[in-house]
Amino acid sequence: MPWKNWSPDRLGVTLAILAAFGFSFKAILIKLAYAVPLAVRVDPVTLLSLRMVLSLPAFIWLAITSSRGAPPLTRRDWIMLLALGLLGYYGASLFDFLGLQYISAGLERLILFTYPTLTILIAVLFMGKTLHRREIFSLLLSYVGIGLAFAHDLEFSEDTHNVIIGALFVFGSSLTYALYLSGSGPMIARLGATRFTALVMIVSSVAAQLHFFASQPLAAYDLPPRIYAYILAIVAFSTVLPMFMQSASIRLIGTSRSVLIGTLGPVLTIFFGWWILDEPMSLAQMAGTGFVLFGVFLVTRR
C-alpha cells in the first residue's frame, strides 16, 4: 500500500480532502433521490430513516469497541446523550432533508456552513464569551455571502416562496447542529470522541426510526432499487467513511487544519450541483461562496 509510506501530514491532508468530498456529495445524492420519478415523491422522513438505520451497525460496533474498559455511563450522561442525539444528527439531518426539497444543493451547503459562526453566537449569548472584532467581521462576511447565494437561487427559481421555506429549514439545521456542538465539548472530554459520536448516532438513529413509524406506513419502504442505491451511497460515502476520515485527519494534522481543508465542501457541492444536477451558476453565487468561506476561515484559524 503506497500510503503506508506517507508522512502523517500528507496522509492527514489527504483524508481531510476525501472527507470534504464525501460530505459535499450528500446533498447531491439526496437531490438525485428526490428526482427519481414516482407517483408520490419519496418522503424526507423515509430517506432519513433509511440513512440512519443502514448506518446503525457501524455505530453499534464502534460503541461496543470504544466502551470496553471505559467507566459506565451515569444518568446525567444518558440525559445529555439523549438531548444531543435529538439535536445533532436527528434534528439537524431532518431539517436538512426537508430543506433540500426546495433549494439547490449549493445554497444548502453554504447555509449549513454557517454553523461555526452560529456556534460563536451561542457562546456569546449563553456562555459569556466576548465577541472580538475578527469574529464580528467573520459573521458579517458569512451572512453577506449567504445573502448573495440566496439572491442567486431566487433569481433562477420559479417559486420564490419555496426557496424561502427551504432556506429556513436548512438554517434551522445549521442552528440545531451549532447547538449540538456547543453542548458536546464536555461530553467528548468525558467519554472520548469515538465513544461519544457512536452513542449519539445510536440515539439519533432510534429517534429517526420512531419518527418514521409514527408518521409513515411501512409500505413507504417499498422504493425502487435506484433510491436504495442512492441511500447506500449516502451511508457509505457521505456518512460513515467521511466521519472516520475526518476523525483520523484531526488526529494527524489537528482540528484547525482539518476544518480549513473542509471549506472545500461548499465549492465541491456547487460544482457537482452544476455538473450533475444542472443547477445554474452565477457570479453572485461565486462571490457569496467566497464570502462564506473567508468568514469561516477567519473564525476557525488560530
Protein backbone atom coordinates (compact mmCIF):
# COMPACT_ATOMS: atom_id res chain seq x y z
CA MET A 1 0.00 0.00 0.00
CA PRO A 2 1.72 3.24 -1.14
CA TRP A 3 0.09 5.40 1.57
CA LYS A 4 1.80 3.33 4.27
CA ASN A 5 4.99 5.24 3.42
CA TRP A 6 3.31 8.67 3.52
CA SER A 7 4.14 11.16 6.24
CA PRO A 8 1.43 11.80 8.87
CA ASP A 9 0.99 15.31 7.47
CA ARG A 10 0.42 14.14 3.89
CA LEU A 11 -1.94 11.37 4.99
CA GLY A 12 -3.89 13.75 7.26
CA VAL A 13 -4.36 16.32 4.48
CA THR A 14 -5.45 13.62 2.02
CA LEU A 15 -8.00 12.22 4.48
CA ALA A 16 -9.37 15.73 5.16
CA ILE A 17 -9.84 16.32 1.40
CA LEU A 18 -11.57 12.95 0.96
CA ALA A 19 -13.84 13.68 3.95
CA ALA A 20 -14.78 17.07 2.45
CA PHE A 21 -15.52 15.34 -0.86
CA GLY A 22 -17.77 12.77 0.86
CA PHE A 23 -19.69 15.28 2.95
CA SER A 24 -20.14 17.60 -0.02
CA PHE A 25 -21.71 14.84 -2.12
CA LYS A 26 -24.51 14.12 0.40
CA ALA A 27 -26.79 16.89 -0.89
CA ILE A 28 -26.25 15.75 -4.49
CA LEU A 29 -27.31 12.19 -3.66
CA ILE A 30 -30.38 13.39 -1.74
CA LYS A 31 -31.45 15.60 -4.65
CA LEU A 32 -30.98 12.65 -7.02
CA ALA A 33 -33.20 10.51 -4.78
CA TYR A 34 -35.89 13.20 -4.78
CA ALA A 35 -35.68 13.36 -8.58
CA VAL A 36 -36.47 9.64 -9.11
CA PRO A 37 -39.84 9.55 -10.93
CA LEU A 38 -42.56 8.15 -8.62
CA ALA A 39 -46.31 8.62 -8.27
CA VAL A 40 -45.54 10.42 -4.99
CA ARG A 41 -42.03 11.78 -4.34
CA VAL A 42 -40.08 9.91 -1.65
CA ASP A 43 -40.63 11.47 1.78
CA PRO A 44 -37.71 13.12 3.69
CA VAL A 45 -38.60 11.18 6.85
CA THR A 46 -38.33 7.90 4.93
CA LEU A 47 -34.97 8.88 3.44
CA LEU A 48 -33.63 9.91 6.85
CA SER A 49 -34.92 6.70 8.44
CA LEU A 50 -33.16 4.57 5.82
CA ARG A 51 -29.94 6.56 6.10
CA MET A 52 -29.83 6.18 9.88
CA VAL A 53 -30.86 2.52 10.12
CA LEU A 54 -28.34 1.46 7.47
CA SER A 55 -25.58 3.39 9.30
CA LEU A 56 -26.55 1.89 12.65
CA PRO A 57 -24.47 -1.34 12.55
CA ALA A 58 -21.23 0.63 12.13
CA PHE A 59 -22.01 2.82 15.12
CA ILE A 60 -23.13 -0.06 17.32
CA TRP A 61 -19.80 -1.76 16.59
CA LEU A 62 -17.96 1.49 17.39
CA ALA A 63 -19.91 1.93 20.64
CA ILE A 64 -19.08 -1.62 21.77
CA THR A 65 -15.36 -1.42 20.94
CA SER A 66 -14.88 2.08 22.39
CA SER A 67 -16.76 1.20 25.61
CA ARG A 68 -14.54 -1.75 26.55
CA GLY A 69 -12.83 -0.93 29.83
CA ALA A 70 -14.46 2.52 29.94
CA PRO A 71 -16.35 3.71 33.03
CA PRO A 72 -20.13 3.10 32.95
CA LEU A 73 -22.44 5.89 31.88
CA THR A 74 -24.22 7.88 34.57
CA ARG A 75 -27.85 9.03 34.45
CA ARG A 76 -26.61 12.53 33.56
CA ASP A 77 -24.55 11.07 30.69
CA TRP A 78 -27.65 9.38 29.27
CA ILE A 79 -29.72 12.57 29.57
CA MET A 80 -27.03 14.56 27.74
CA LEU A 81 -26.65 11.89 25.05
CA LEU A 82 -30.41 11.86 24.53
CA ALA A 83 -30.61 15.65 24.24
CA LEU A 84 -27.58 15.95 21.95
CA GLY A 85 -28.67 12.99 19.82
CA LEU A 86 -32.06 14.61 19.24
CA LEU A 87 -30.40 17.94 18.40
CA GLY A 88 -27.46 16.79 16.32
CA TYR A 89 -27.75 14.01 13.81
CA TYR A 90 -31.53 13.61 14.08
CA GLY A 91 -32.81 17.18 14.29
CA ALA A 92 -30.17 18.74 12.06
CA SER A 93 -30.47 15.99 9.44
CA LEU A 94 -34.27 16.16 9.40
CA PHE A 95 -34.28 19.93 8.77
CA ASP A 96 -31.61 19.45 6.11
CA PHE A 97 -33.56 16.74 4.27
CA LEU A 98 -36.71 18.87 4.42
CA GLY A 99 -34.91 21.94 3.07
CA LEU A 100 -33.34 20.10 0.15
CA GLN A 101 -36.80 19.57 -1.31
CA TYR A 102 -36.93 23.30 -2.08
CA ILE A 103 -33.46 24.77 -2.65
CA SER A 104 -30.34 23.99 -4.66
CA ALA A 105 -27.59 21.77 -3.26
CA GLY A 106 -25.15 24.70 -3.49
CA LEU A 107 -27.27 27.06 -1.36
CA GLU A 108 -27.94 24.25 1.12
CA ARG A 109 -24.25 23.61 1.64
CA LEU A 110 -23.43 27.30 2.09
CA ILE A 111 -26.20 27.80 4.68
CA LEU A 112 -25.07 24.68 6.55
CA PHE A 113 -21.54 26.05 6.58
CA THR A 114 -22.60 28.91 8.85
CA TYR A 115 -22.56 26.58 11.87
CA PRO A 116 -19.12 27.78 13.13
CA THR A 117 -20.37 31.37 13.25
CA LEU A 118 -23.63 30.27 14.91
CA THR A 119 -21.61 28.33 17.50
CA ILE A 120 -19.77 31.55 18.36
CA LEU A 121 -23.05 33.47 18.66
CA ILE A 122 -24.42 30.83 21.02
CA ALA A 123 -21.27 31.10 23.14
CA VAL A 124 -21.64 34.90 23.25
CA LEU A 125 -25.35 34.85 24.12
CA PHE A 126 -25.42 31.98 26.62
CA MET A 127 -21.86 31.18 27.78
CA GLY A 128 -20.37 34.60 28.50
CA LYS A 129 -17.92 34.64 25.57
CA THR A 130 -16.71 38.03 24.34
CA LEU A 131 -17.20 38.77 20.64
CA HIS A 132 -13.94 40.05 19.11
CA ARG A 133 -13.51 42.26 16.07
CA ARG A 134 -12.33 39.38 13.87
CA GLU A 135 -15.39 37.33 14.78
CA ILE A 136 -17.76 40.23 14.07
CA PHE A 137 -16.14 40.64 10.65
CA SER A 138 -16.45 36.88 10.09
CA LEU A 139 -20.17 36.96 10.89
CA LEU A 140 -20.77 39.89 8.53
CA LEU A 141 -18.87 38.22 5.70
CA SER A 142 -20.66 34.89 6.15
CA TYR A 143 -24.14 36.36 6.11
CA VAL A 144 -23.45 38.73 3.22
CA GLY A 145 -22.27 35.62 1.35
CA ILE A 146 -25.45 33.73 2.26
CA GLY A 147 -27.48 36.72 1.06
CA LEU A 148 -25.75 36.68 -2.33
CA ALA A 149 -26.24 32.92 -2.74
CA PHE A 150 -29.87 33.30 -1.65
CA ALA A 151 -30.40 36.03 -4.25
CA HIS A 152 -28.90 33.68 -6.86
CA ASP A 153 -31.45 30.95 -6.01
CA LEU A 154 -34.32 33.46 -6.02
CA GLU A 155 -33.25 34.70 -9.47
CA PHE A 156 -33.24 31.24 -11.03
CA SER A 157 -36.19 29.76 -9.13
CA GLU A 158 -39.73 29.57 -10.46
CA ASP A 159 -41.14 29.64 -6.91
CA THR A 160 -39.53 32.15 -4.53
CA HIS A 161 -41.81 31.01 -1.70
CA ASN A 162 -40.25 27.54 -1.83
CA VAL A 163 -36.73 28.99 -1.78
CA ILE A 164 -37.55 30.92 1.39
CA ILE A 165 -39.07 27.82 3.05
CA GLY A 166 -36.11 25.64 2.07
CA ALA A 167 -33.56 28.21 3.25
CA LEU A 168 -35.31 28.48 6.63
CA PHE A 169 -35.32 24.70 7.05
CA VAL A 170 -31.61 24.45 6.26
CA PHE A 171 -30.79 27.40 8.51
CA GLY A 172 -32.69 25.53 11.23
CA SER A 173 -30.42 22.56 10.50
CA SER A 174 -27.30 24.71 10.86
CA LEU A 175 -28.59 26.25 14.11
CA THR A 176 -29.52 22.85 15.54
CA TYR A 177 -26.08 21.47 14.69
CA ALA A 178 -24.43 24.53 16.28
CA LEU A 179 -26.41 23.90 19.49
CA TYR A 180 -25.28 20.27 19.38
CA LEU A 181 -21.64 21.32 19.01
CA SER A 182 -21.96 23.85 21.83
CA GLY A 183 -23.10 21.15 24.23
CA SER A 184 -20.86 18.32 23.05
CA GLY A 185 -17.49 19.61 24.31
CA PRO A 186 -17.77 18.42 27.94
CA MET A 187 -19.21 15.05 26.85
CA ILE A 188 -16.37 14.47 24.37
CA ALA A 189 -13.86 15.30 27.09
CA ARG A 190 -15.56 12.82 29.42
CA LEU A 191 -16.33 9.93 27.05
CA GLY A 192 -13.83 10.39 24.23
CA ALA A 193 -14.71 11.44 20.68
CA THR A 194 -15.28 7.95 19.24
CA ARG A 195 -17.48 6.64 22.05
CA PHE A 196 -19.47 9.88 22.24
CA THR A 197 -20.09 10.03 18.46
CA ALA A 198 -21.13 6.38 18.29
CA LEU A 199 -23.59 6.70 21.19
CA VAL A 200 -25.06 9.95 19.86
CA MET A 201 -25.55 8.35 16.44
CA ILE A 202 -27.38 5.41 18.04
CA VAL A 203 -29.73 7.83 19.85
CA SER A 204 -30.30 9.74 16.60
CA SER A 205 -30.99 6.52 14.69
CA VAL A 206 -33.59 5.40 17.23
CA ALA A 207 -35.25 8.84 17.08
CA ALA A 208 -35.38 8.71 13.27
CA GLN A 209 -36.99 5.25 13.38
CA LEU A 210 -39.60 6.32 15.95
CA HIS A 211 -40.42 9.35 13.79
CA PHE A 212 -40.81 7.12 10.72
CA PHE A 213 -43.10 4.58 12.39
CA ALA A 214 -45.19 7.36 13.95
CA SER A 215 -45.73 9.22 10.67
CA GLN A 216 -45.28 6.80 7.76
CA PRO A 217 -46.72 3.41 6.78
CA LEU A 218 -44.29 0.51 6.47
CA ALA A 219 -45.13 0.48 2.74
CA ALA A 220 -43.11 3.71 2.44
CA TYR A 221 -40.01 1.48 2.40
CA ASP A 222 -41.25 -0.03 -0.88
CA LEU A 223 -38.99 2.06 -3.07
CA PRO A 224 -37.22 1.47 -6.40
CA PRO A 225 -33.70 -0.05 -6.26
CA ARG A 226 -32.33 3.22 -7.61
CA ILE A 227 -33.35 5.10 -4.45
CA TYR A 228 -31.82 2.38 -2.27
CA ALA A 229 -28.60 2.72 -4.27
CA TYR A 230 -28.53 6.46 -3.51
CA ILE A 231 -29.21 5.81 0.19
CA LEU A 232 -26.42 3.21 0.40
CA ALA A 233 -24.08 5.71 -1.27
CA ILE A 234 -25.09 8.36 1.30
CA VAL A 235 -24.47 5.90 4.15
CA ALA A 236 -21.11 4.65 2.89
CA PHE A 237 -19.56 7.63 1.14
CA SER A 238 -21.26 10.64 2.79
CA THR A 239 -21.78 9.45 6.37
CA VAL A 240 -19.65 6.62 7.76
CA LEU A 241 -16.42 6.87 5.75
CA PRO A 242 -16.11 10.69 5.92
CA MET A 243 -16.66 10.61 9.69
CA PHE A 244 -13.83 8.11 10.11
CA MET A 245 -11.63 10.06 7.69
CA GLN A 246 -12.28 13.36 9.43
CA SER A 247 -11.53 11.87 12.86
CA ALA A 248 -8.28 10.38 11.58
CA SER A 249 -7.38 13.66 9.88
CA ILE A 250 -7.93 15.63 13.10
CA ARG A 251 -5.71 13.17 14.94
CA LEU A 252 -2.93 13.55 12.34
CA ILE A 253 -2.95 17.27 11.49
CA GLY A 254 -5.10 18.89 14.19
CA THR A 255 -8.61 20.35 14.26
CA SER A 256 -7.83 23.77 12.75
CA ARG A 257 -6.15 22.48 9.59
CA SER A 258 -8.76 19.77 9.13
CA VAL A 259 -11.60 22.30 9.43
CA LEU A 260 -9.92 24.69 7.00
CA ILE A 261 -9.49 21.93 4.41
CA GLY A 262 -13.18 21.13 4.96
CA THR A 263 -14.03 24.54 3.50
CA LEU A 264 -13.57 22.85 0.12
CA GLY A 265 -17.00 21.29 0.76
CA PRO A 266 -19.30 24.10 -0.45
CA VAL A 267 -17.18 24.66 -3.57
CA LEU A 268 -17.35 20.95 -4.41
CA THR A 269 -21.12 20.86 -3.80
CA ILE A 270 -21.71 23.84 -6.10
CA PHE A 271 -19.53 22.25 -8.79
CA PHE A 272 -21.29 18.87 -8.55
CA GLY A 273 -24.69 20.59 -8.45
CA TRP A 274 -23.84 22.33 -11.73
CA TRP A 275 -22.30 19.22 -13.33
CA ILE A 276 -24.73 16.50 -12.19
CA LEU A 277 -27.96 18.31 -11.32
CA ASP A 278 -27.75 21.09 -13.96
CA GLU A 279 -28.06 23.73 -11.25
CA PRO A 280 -27.23 27.21 -12.61
CA MET A 281 -24.11 29.10 -11.55
CA SER A 282 -23.64 32.86 -11.39
CA LEU A 283 -21.13 35.48 -10.30
CA ALA A 284 -23.34 36.30 -7.29
CA GLN A 285 -23.19 32.67 -6.16
CA MET A 286 -19.42 32.52 -6.59
CA ALA A 287 -18.96 35.79 -4.70
CA GLY A 288 -21.26 34.55 -1.93
CA THR A 289 -19.28 31.35 -1.67
CA GLY A 290 -16.06 33.32 -1.34
CA PHE A 291 -17.51 35.49 1.43
CA VAL A 292 -18.78 32.48 3.41
CA LEU A 293 -15.53 30.55 3.10
CA PHE A 294 -13.41 33.54 4.11
CA GLY A 295 -15.72 34.18 7.05
CA VAL A 296 -15.34 30.56 8.22
CA PHE A 297 -11.58 30.82 7.72
CA LEU A 298 -11.40 33.87 9.99
CA VAL A 299 -13.44 32.20 12.70
CA THR A 300 -11.60 28.86 12.69
CA ARG A 301 -7.97 29.92 12.31
CA ARG A 302 -5.89 30.37 15.42
